[in-house]
C-alpha atoms as a PDB file:
ATOM      1  CA  GLU A   1      11.294  -0.656  32.331  1.00  0.00           C
ATOM      2  CA  SER A   2      13.269  -3.398  30.628  1.00  0.00           C
ATOM      3  CA  VAL A   3      15.520  -3.010  27.603  1.00  0.00           C
ATOM      4  CA  THR A   4      17.219  -5.584  25.420  1.00  0.00           C
ATOM      5  CA  VAL A   5      20.927  -5.759  26.243  1.00  0.00           C
ATOM      6  CA  LYS A   6      23.615  -7.427  24.174  1.00  0.00           C
ATOM      7  CA  LEU A   7      26.982  -8.075  25.802  1.00  0.00           C
ATOM      8  CA  ARG A   8      30.228  -9.914  25.083  1.00  0.00           C
ATOM      9  CA  THR A   9      31.816 -12.088  27.741  1.00  0.00           C
ATOM     10  CA  ASN A  10      33.376 -15.529  28.171  1.00  0.00           C
ATOM     11  CA  SER A  11      32.110 -18.821  29.534  1.00  0.00           C
ATOM     12  CA  SER A  12      33.678 -18.216  32.961  1.00  0.00           C
ATOM     13  CA  MET A  13      30.897 -15.655  33.548  1.00  0.00           C
ATOM     14  CA  MET A  14      28.106 -18.219  33.130  1.00  0.00           C
ATOM     15  CA  ASP A  15      27.528 -18.648  36.891  1.00  0.00           C
ATOM     16  CA  ALA A  16      27.281 -14.884  37.430  1.00  0.00           C
ATOM     17  CA  LEU A  17      24.870 -14.556  34.506  1.00  0.00           C
ATOM     18  CA  VAL A  18      22.605 -17.308  35.844  1.00  0.00           C
ATOM     19  CA  ASP A  19      22.799 -15.936  39.408  1.00  0.00           C
ATOM     20  CA  TRP A  20      21.695 -12.469  38.265  1.00  0.00           C
ATOM     21  CA  PHE A  21      19.407 -13.169  35.311  1.00  0.00           C
ATOM     22  CA  GLY A  22      18.222 -16.744  35.726  1.00  0.00           C
ATOM     23  CA  LYS A  23      18.195 -18.746  32.531  1.00  0.00           C
ATOM     24  CA  ASP A  24      16.237 -16.203  30.536  1.00  0.00           C
ATOM     25  CA  PHE A  25      18.951 -15.175  28.072  1.00  0.00           C
ATOM     26  CA  ARG A  26      20.286 -16.261  24.704  1.00  0.00           C
ATOM     27  CA  ILE A  27      23.888 -17.164  23.944  1.00  0.00           C
ATOM     28  CA  MET A  28      25.676 -16.997  20.624  1.00  0.00           C
ATOM     29  CA  LYS A  29      29.121 -18.612  20.688  1.00  0.00           C
ATOM     30  CA  GLU A  30      32.108 -16.841  19.180  1.00  0.00           C
ATOM     31  CA  GLU A  31      35.766 -17.817  18.892  1.00  0.00           C
ATOM     32  CA  ASN A  32      38.232 -18.237  21.773  1.00  0.00           C
ATOM     33  CA  ASP A  33      35.701 -18.979  24.523  1.00  0.00           C
ATOM     34  CA  GLN A  34      33.873 -15.707  23.833  1.00  0.00           C
ATOM     35  CA  MET A  35      30.100 -15.450  23.632  1.00  0.00           C
ATOM     36  CA  ILE A  36      27.464 -12.835  22.864  1.00  0.00           C
ATOM     37  CA  VAL A  37      24.633 -12.819  25.417  1.00  0.00           C
ATOM     38  CA  THR A  38      21.265 -11.186  24.774  1.00  0.00           C
ATOM     39  CA  LEU A  39      18.887 -10.538  27.666  1.00  0.00           C
ATOM     40  CA  SER A  40      16.180  -8.200  28.873  1.00  0.00           C
ATOM     41  CA  CYS A  41      16.595  -6.184  32.081  1.00  0.00           C
ATOM     42  CA  ASN A  42      16.419  -2.745  33.655  1.00  0.00           C
ATOM     43  CA  GLU A  43      19.019  -0.457  32.039  1.00  0.00           C
ATOM     44  CA  THR A  44      20.132   1.163  35.307  1.00  0.00           C
ATOM     45  CA  ALA A  45      20.550  -2.209  37.020  1.00  0.00           C
ATOM     46  CA  MET A  46      22.577  -3.464  34.046  1.00  0.00           C
ATOM     47  CA  LYS A  47      24.820  -0.407  34.229  1.00  0.00           C
ATOM     48  CA  TYR A  48      25.822  -1.238  37.791  1.00  0.00           C
ATOM     49  CA  TRP A  49      26.123  -4.950  37.008  1.00  0.00           C
ATOM     50  CA  ALA A  50      28.410  -4.182  34.062  1.00  0.00           C
ATOM     51  CA  LEU A  51      30.536  -1.864  36.191  1.00  0.00           C
ATOM     52  CA  GLN A  52      30.883  -4.629  38.777  1.00  0.00           C
ATOM     53  CA  TYR A  53      32.010  -7.144  36.148  1.00  0.00           C
ATOM     54  CA  GLY A  54      33.693  -4.626  33.861  1.00  0.00           C
ATOM     55  CA  LEU A  55      36.906  -6.576  33.437  1.00  0.00           C
ATOM     56  CA  TYR A  56      34.967  -9.521  32.047  1.00  0.00           C
ATOM     57  CA  VAL A  57      32.030  -7.950  30.187  1.00  0.00           C
ATOM     58  CA  GLU A  58      31.629  -5.519  27.299  1.00  0.00           C
ATOM     59  CA  ILE A  59      28.187  -4.024  26.715  1.00  0.00           C
ATOM     60  CA  LEU A  60      27.502  -3.911  22.977  1.00  0.00           C
ATOM     61  CA  GLU A  61      23.903  -2.638  22.954  1.00  0.00           C
ATOM     62  CA  PRO A  62      22.024  -0.439  23.613  1.00  0.00           C
ATOM     63  CA  GLN A  63      24.338   2.393  22.709  1.00  0.00           C
ATOM     64  CA  SER A  64      22.899   4.587  25.492  1.00  0.00           C
ATOM     65  CA  LEU A  65      23.994   2.022  28.093  1.00  0.00           C
ATOM     66  CA  ARG A  66      27.410   1.645  26.501  1.00  0.00           C
ATOM     67  CA  MET A  67      27.888   5.430  26.659  1.00  0.00           C
ATOM     68  CA  ALA A  68      26.685   5.622  30.283  1.00  0.00           C
ATOM     69  CA  ILE A  69      29.233   2.992  31.298  1.00  0.00           C
ATOM     70  CA  ARG A  70      31.989   4.750  29.352  1.00  0.00           C
ATOM     71  CA  GLU A  71      31.213   8.018  31.161  1.00  0.00           C
ATOM     72  CA  ALA A  72      31.159   6.328  34.574  1.00  0.00           C
ATOM     73  CA  VAL A  73      34.511   4.623  33.925  1.00  0.00           C
ATOM     74  CA  GLN A  74      36.053   7.910  32.776  1.00  0.00           C
ATOM     75  CA  GLN A  75      34.825   9.669  35.919  1.00  0.00           C
ATOM     76  CA  MET A  76      36.173   6.857  38.102  1.00  0.00           C
ATOM     77  CA  SER A  77      39.485   6.991  36.271  1.00  0.00           C
ATOM     78  CA  SER A  78      39.868  10.710  36.942  1.00  0.00           C
ATOM     79  CA  VAL A  79      39.314  10.128  40.666  1.00  0.00           C
ATOM     80  CA  TYR A  80      42.115   7.570  40.806  1.00  0.00           C
ATOM     81  CA  GLU A  81      44.590   9.421  38.583  1.00  0.00           C
ATOM     82  CA  GLU A  82      45.587  11.741  41.389  1.00  0.00           C
ATOM     83  CA  ASP A  83      47.973  10.571  44.103  1.00  0.00           C
ATOM     84  CA  VAL A  84      46.583  10.837  47.583  1.00  0.00           C
END
């Protein structure tokens, strides 16, 4: 099932966006090379995509996806806090 996703990123991510989602997304330009991208995709697939590109992408909507990514990042952080 697809959901509408809104994310913030910069123009350097354009190739990755096209590679993953084709050209079926909308872009709204912001300041300082930032842009808001709106697209439709599977929420679980977007979660893993956003985790892969997490340094370059911020999920804005839906809130459920934003929270799922936050929880995954927190769990990952706790794994790496301990010295091995």
